[in-house]
Amino acid sequence: MPAGRTNEELQDITLLGNQGVKYVFEYDPKLLETFDNKHPYRDTFVKFNCPEFTSLCPMTGQPDFATMYISYIPDVKMVESKSLKLYLFSFRNHGDFHEDCVNIIMNDLIEAMNPRYIEVWGKFTPRGGISIDPYCNYGRPGTKYEAMAEQRMLNHDMYPEKVDNR
């Protein structure tokens, strides 16, 4: 398989390299763009670390800050990183609980890509003396990835990562 991408393969990528991109301040899953995985015959673990995630408390309207860790094993489609950045930015004025945010992000990425496996882990900074670190995952049903999701859920916090955002 030749290296590189053709213009035809990149035709659906509209945000990357676009200097006129407007930031959307309201939640918008339509911002997510995907491209074809040129290596669907191999499992590749893709991890995004997003240390500037913000949303709003649905009760008080106060801002919540987090590092969002998104990891997935693609199948046919992969998410384009600038579109993911703009999508995550669209949570800026979105009022939802931390647990809801990680599940919404995961659901939207499943809808956009249909990955073999995905997990989303939010490490929120403390408010009122408590930090909340919700974790969710998904493995495609009936595959080894379903078993992987179960195993990672059971063990996801056995050896917590060093938390340096608080």
C-alpha atoms as a PDB file:
ATOM      1  CA  MET A   1       0.000   0.000   0.000  1.00  0.00           C
ATOM      2  CA  PRO A   2       1.519   3.356  -0.981  1.00  0.00           C
ATOM      3  CA  ALA A   3       2.271   5.943   1.688  1.00  0.00           C
ATOM      4  CA  GLY A   4       0.485   9.274   1.711  1.00  0.00           C
ATOM      5  CA  ARG A   5      -3.075  10.358   1.027  1.00  0.00           C
ATOM      6  CA  THR A   6      -4.691  11.390  -2.229  1.00  0.00           C
ATOM      7  CA  ASN A   7      -6.861  14.489  -2.565  1.00  0.00           C
ATOM      8  CA  GLU A   8      -9.823  12.171  -3.020  1.00  0.00           C
ATOM      9  CA  GLU A   9      -9.069  10.487   0.336  1.00  0.00           C
ATOM     10  CA  LEU A  10      -8.931  13.902   2.005  1.00  0.00           C
ATOM     11  CA  GLN A  11     -12.033  15.444   0.433  1.00  0.00           C
ATOM     12  CA  ASP A  12     -14.167  15.106   3.578  1.00  0.00           C
ATOM     13  CA  ILE A  13     -11.556  16.791   5.815  1.00  0.00           C
ATOM     14  CA  THR A  14     -12.635  20.436   5.869  1.00  0.00           C
ATOM     15  CA  LEU A  15     -11.297  21.779   9.176  1.00  0.00           C
ATOM     16  CA  LEU A  16      -7.610  20.804   9.082  1.00  0.00           C
ATOM     17  CA  GLY A  17      -5.586  23.553   7.431  1.00  0.00           C
ATOM     18  CA  ASN A  18      -8.626  25.840   7.227  1.00  0.00           C
ATOM     19  CA  GLN A  19      -7.576  29.235   8.612  1.00  0.00           C
ATOM     20  CA  GLY A  20     -11.182  30.460   8.636  1.00  0.00           C
ATOM     21  CA  VAL A  21     -12.467  27.943  11.170  1.00  0.00           C
ATOM     22  CA  LYS A  22     -14.982  29.390  13.608  1.00  0.00           C
ATOM     23  CA  TYR A  23     -15.091  28.084  17.151  1.00  0.00           C
ATOM     24  CA  VAL A  24     -18.520  26.796  18.145  1.00  0.00           C
ATOM     25  CA  PHE A  25     -19.435  27.547  21.761  1.00  0.00           C
ATOM     26  CA  GLU A  26     -22.410  25.174  21.959  1.00  0.00           C
ATOM     27  CA  TYR A  27     -22.171  21.390  21.911  1.00  0.00           C
ATOM     28  CA  ASP A  28     -22.122  20.140  18.308  1.00  0.00           C
ATOM     29  CA  PRO A  29     -21.308  16.514  17.379  1.00  0.00           C
ATOM     30  CA  LYS A  30     -21.524  17.407  13.678  1.00  0.00           C
ATOM     31  CA  LEU A  31     -18.040  18.936  14.029  1.00  0.00           C
ATOM     32  CA  LEU A  32     -16.476  15.451  14.097  1.00  0.00           C
ATOM     33  CA  GLU A  33     -14.815  14.491  10.813  1.00  0.00           C
ATOM     34  CA  THR A  34     -13.412  11.098   9.933  1.00  0.00           C
ATOM     35  CA  PHE A  35     -11.054   9.638   7.371  1.00  0.00           C
ATOM     36  CA  ASP A  36     -10.375   6.114   6.161  1.00  0.00           C
ATOM     37  CA  ASN A  37      -8.038   3.896   8.164  1.00  0.00           C
ATOM     38  CA  LYS A  38      -5.406   2.740   5.685  1.00  0.00           C
ATOM     39  CA  HIS A  39      -4.407  -0.107   8.008  1.00  0.00           C
ATOM     40  CA  PRO A  40      -7.666  -1.833   9.042  1.00  0.00           C
ATOM     41  CA  TYR A  41      -5.914  -5.218   8.988  1.00  0.00           C
ATOM     42  CA  ARG A  42      -3.934  -4.233  12.122  1.00  0.00           C
ATOM     43  CA  ASP A  43      -5.022  -3.131  15.567  1.00  0.00           C
ATOM     44  CA  THR A  44      -3.682   0.342  16.280  1.00  0.00           C
ATOM     45  CA  PHE A  45      -4.272   1.964  19.653  1.00  0.00           C
ATOM     46  CA  VAL A  46      -4.798   5.711  19.160  1.00  0.00           C
ATOM     47  CA  LYS A  47      -4.690   7.952  22.241  1.00  0.00           C
ATOM     48  CA  PHE A  48      -5.634  11.620  22.500  1.00  0.00           C
ATOM     49  CA  ASN A  49      -4.747  13.631  25.605  1.00  0.00           C
ATOM     50  CA  CYS A  50      -6.841  16.780  25.809  1.00  0.00           C
ATOM     51  CA  PRO A  51      -5.701  18.843  28.845  1.00  0.00           C
ATOM     52  CA  GLU A  52      -7.910  21.872  28.196  1.00  0.00           C
ATOM     53  CA  PHE A  53     -11.417  20.404  28.250  1.00  0.00           C
ATOM     54  CA  THR A  54     -14.074  22.637  29.793  1.00  0.00           C
ATOM     55  CA  SER A  55     -17.788  22.315  30.378  1.00  0.00           C
ATOM     56  CA  LEU A  56     -20.279  23.869  32.779  1.00  0.00           C
ATOM     57  CA  CYS A  57     -21.985  22.536  35.869  1.00  0.00           C
ATOM     58  CA  PRO A  58     -25.656  22.067  34.889  1.00  0.00           C
ATOM     59  CA  MET A  59     -26.838  23.377  38.271  1.00  0.00           C
ATOM     60  CA  THR A  60     -24.556  26.331  39.019  1.00  0.00           C
ATOM     61  CA  GLY A  61     -23.151  27.233  35.601  1.00  0.00           C
ATOM     62  CA  GLN A  62     -19.649  27.224  37.100  1.00  0.00           C
ATOM     63  CA  PRO A  63     -16.883  26.014  34.789  1.00  0.00           C
ATOM     64  CA  ASP A  64     -15.433  22.537  35.110  1.00  0.00           C
ATOM     65  CA  PHE A  65     -11.931  21.776  33.825  1.00  0.00           C
ATOM     66  CA  ALA A  66     -10.483  18.402  32.907  1.00  0.00           C
ATOM     67  CA  THR A  67      -7.902  16.461  31.022  1.00  0.00           C
ATOM     68  CA  MET A  68      -9.820  14.155  28.721  1.00  0.00           C
ATOM     69  CA  TYR A  69      -8.123  10.919  27.674  1.00  0.00           C
ATOM     70  CA  ILE A  70      -9.649   9.316  24.598  1.00  0.00           C
ATOM     71  CA  SER A  71      -8.229   6.015  23.357  1.00  0.00           C
ATOM     72  CA  TYR A  72      -9.573   3.830  20.599  1.00  0.00           C
ATOM     73  CA  ILE A  73      -8.835   1.020  18.180  1.00  0.00           C
ATOM     74  CA  PRO A  74     -10.225   2.056  14.795  1.00  0.00           C
ATOM     75  CA  ASP A  75     -11.848  -0.183  12.254  1.00  0.00           C
ATOM     76  CA  VAL A  76     -12.646   1.469   8.913  1.00  0.00           C
ATOM     77  CA  LYS A  77     -12.790   5.123  10.055  1.00  0.00           C
ATOM     78  CA  MET A  78     -10.555   7.308  12.236  1.00  0.00           C
ATOM     79  CA  VAL A  79     -11.342  10.698  13.782  1.00  0.00           C
ATOM     80  CA  GLU A  80      -9.468  13.728  12.466  1.00  0.00           C
ATOM     81  CA  SER A  81      -7.705  15.474  15.373  1.00  0.00           C
ATOM     82  CA  LYS A  82      -8.560  19.110  14.600  1.00  0.00           C
ATOM     83  CA  SER A  83     -12.229  18.238  14.287  1.00  0.00           C
ATOM     84  CA  LEU A  84     -11.957  16.434  17.639  1.00  0.00           C
ATOM     85  CA  LYS A  85     -10.363  19.545  19.164  1.00  0.00           C
ATOM     86  CA  LEU A  86     -13.170  21.766  17.874  1.00  0.00           C
ATOM     87  CA  TYR A  87     -15.802  19.230  18.975  1.00  0.00           C
ATOM     88  CA  LEU A  88     -14.360  19.127  22.500  1.00  0.00           C
ATOM     89  CA  PHE A  89     -14.252  22.934  22.520  1.00  0.00           C
ATOM     90  CA  SER A  90     -17.989  22.929  21.739  1.00  0.00           C
ATOM     91  CA  PHE A  91     -18.582  21.672  25.300  1.00  0.00           C
ATOM     92  CA  ARG A  92     -17.359  25.070  26.592  1.00  0.00           C
ATOM     93  CA  ASN A  93     -20.887  26.333  27.334  1.00  0.00           C
ATOM     94  CA  HIS A  94     -22.513  22.916  27.644  1.00  0.00           C
ATOM     95  CA  GLY A  95     -24.023  22.197  31.044  1.00  0.00           C
ATOM     96  CA  ASP A  96     -23.710  18.551  32.042  1.00  0.00           C
ATOM     97  CA  PHE A  97     -22.314  16.405  34.820  1.00  0.00           C
ATOM     98  CA  HIS A  98     -18.807  14.983  34.381  1.00  0.00           C
ATOM     99  CA  GLU A  99     -20.149  11.453  33.990  1.00  0.00           C
ATOM    100  CA  ASP A 100     -22.495  12.600  31.238  1.00  0.00           C
ATOM    101  CA  CYS A 101     -19.733  14.409  29.351  1.00  0.00           C
ATOM    102  CA  VAL A 102     -17.511  11.315  29.043  1.00  0.00           C
ATOM    103  CA  ASN A 103     -20.444   9.169  27.917  1.00  0.00           C
ATOM    104  CA  ILE A 104     -21.644  11.754  25.388  1.00  0.00           C
ATOM    105  CA  ILE A 105     -18.129  12.027  23.942  1.00  0.00           C
ATOM    106  CA  MET A 106     -17.833   8.250  23.678  1.00  0.00           C
ATOM    107  CA  ASN A 107     -21.303   7.886  22.111  1.00  0.00           C
ATOM    108  CA  ASP A 108     -20.584  10.578  19.522  1.00  0.00           C
ATOM    109  CA  LEU A 109     -17.248   8.990  18.587  1.00  0.00           C
ATOM    110  CA  ILE A 110     -18.882   5.562  18.272  1.00  0.00           C
ATOM    111  CA  GLU A 111     -21.506   7.110  15.992  1.00  0.00           C
ATOM    112  CA  ALA A 112     -18.868   8.849  13.872  1.00  0.00           C
ATOM    113  CA  MET A 113     -16.314   6.018  13.578  1.00  0.00           C
ATOM    114  CA  ASN A 114     -17.783   2.682  14.709  1.00  0.00           C
ATOM    115  CA  PRO A 115     -14.448   1.746  16.328  1.00  0.00           C
ATOM    116  CA  ARG A 116     -13.519  -1.751  17.455  1.00  0.00           C
ATOM    117  CA  TYR A 117     -12.810  -0.408  20.943  1.00  0.00           C
ATOM    118  CA  ILE A 118     -12.967   2.991  22.653  1.00  0.00           C
ATOM    119  CA  GLU A 119     -12.525   4.438  26.132  1.00  0.00           C
ATOM    120  CA  VAL A 120     -12.939   7.945  27.500  1.00  0.00           C
ATOM    121  CA  TRP A 121     -11.522   8.993  30.870  1.00  0.00           C
ATOM    122  CA  GLY A 122     -12.087  12.471  32.274  1.00  0.00           C
ATOM    123  CA  LYS A 123      -9.772  13.712  35.009  1.00  0.00           C
ATOM    124  CA  PHE A 124     -11.558  16.766  36.363  1.00  0.00           C
ATOM    125  CA  THR A 125      -9.961  19.333  38.639  1.00  0.00           C
ATOM    126  CA  PRO A 126     -11.462  19.535  42.119  1.00  0.00           C
ATOM    127  CA  ARG A 127     -14.357  21.778  42.976  1.00  0.00           C
ATOM    128  CA  GLY A 128     -15.537  21.917  46.562  1.00  0.00           C
ATOM    129  CA  GLY A 129     -12.636  19.690  47.576  1.00  0.00           C
ATOM    130  CA  ILE A 130     -13.634  16.725  45.390  1.00  0.00           C
ATOM    131  CA  SER A 131     -12.314  15.650  42.015  1.00  0.00           C
ATOM    132  CA  ILE A 132     -14.318  13.313  39.805  1.00  0.00           C
ATOM    133  CA  ASP A 133     -12.654  11.021  37.262  1.00  0.00           C
ATOM    134  CA  PRO A 134     -15.363   9.202  35.262  1.00  0.00           C
ATOM    135  CA  TYR A 135     -14.309   6.403  32.927  1.00  0.00           C
ATOM    136  CA  CYS A 136     -16.372   4.605  30.293  1.00  0.00           C
ATOM    137  CA  ASN A 137     -15.517   2.175  27.541  1.00  0.00           C
ATOM    138  CA  TYR A 138     -17.017   0.120  24.747  1.00  0.00           C
ATOM    139  CA  GLY A 139     -15.915  -2.951  22.833  1.00  0.00           C
ATOM    140  CA  ARG A 140     -17.769  -4.050  19.737  1.00  0.00           C
ATOM    141  CA  PRO A 141     -20.287  -6.725  20.832  1.00  0.00           C
ATOM    142  CA  GLY A 142     -19.516 -10.316  19.911  1.00  0.00           C
ATOM    143  CA  THR A 143     -15.793  -9.640  19.352  1.00  0.00           C
ATOM    144  CA  LYS A 144     -12.610  -9.887  21.388  1.00  0.00           C
ATOM    145  CA  TYR A 145     -12.963  -6.130  21.938  1.00  0.00           C
ATOM    146  CA  GLU A 146     -16.090  -6.687  24.024  1.00  0.00           C
ATOM    147  CA  ALA A 147     -14.008  -8.889  26.345  1.00  0.00           C
ATOM    148  CA  MET A 148     -11.229  -6.292  26.275  1.00  0.00           C
ATOM    149  CA  ALA A 149     -13.682  -3.585  27.387  1.00  0.00           C
ATOM    150  CA  GLU A 150     -14.862  -5.730  30.273  1.00  0.00           C
ATOM    151  CA  GLN A 151     -11.292  -6.484  31.355  1.00  0.00           C
ATOM    152  CA  ARG A 152     -10.191  -2.851  31.126  1.00  0.00           C
ATOM    153  CA  MET A 153     -13.285  -1.723  33.057  1.00  0.00           C
ATOM    154  CA  LEU A 154     -12.520  -4.166  35.855  1.00  0.00           C
ATOM    155  CA  ASN A 155      -8.883  -3.037  36.023  1.00  0.00           C
ATOM    156  CA  HIS A 156      -8.924   0.545  34.732  1.00  0.00           C
ATOM    157  CA  ASP A 157      -7.937   2.196  38.005  1.00  0.00           C
ATOM    158  CA  MET A 158      -5.782  -0.496  39.599  1.00  0.00           C
ATOM    159  CA  TYR A 159      -2.638   1.484  38.827  1.00  0.00           C
ATOM    160  CA  PRO A 160      -3.796   5.092  38.426  1.00  0.00           C
ATOM    161  CA  GLU A 161      -1.810   7.347  36.167  1.00  0.00           C
ATOM    162  CA  LYS A 162       0.064  10.219  37.743  1.00  0.00           C
ATOM    163  CA  VAL A 163      -2.392  13.084  37.827  1.00  0.00           C
ATOM    164  CA  ASP A 164      -0.661  16.357  37.077  1.00  0.00           C
ATOM    165  CA  ASN A 165      -3.569  18.609  36.128  1.00  0.00           C
ATOM    166  CA  ARG A 166      -4.545  19.553  39.679  1.00  0.00           C
END
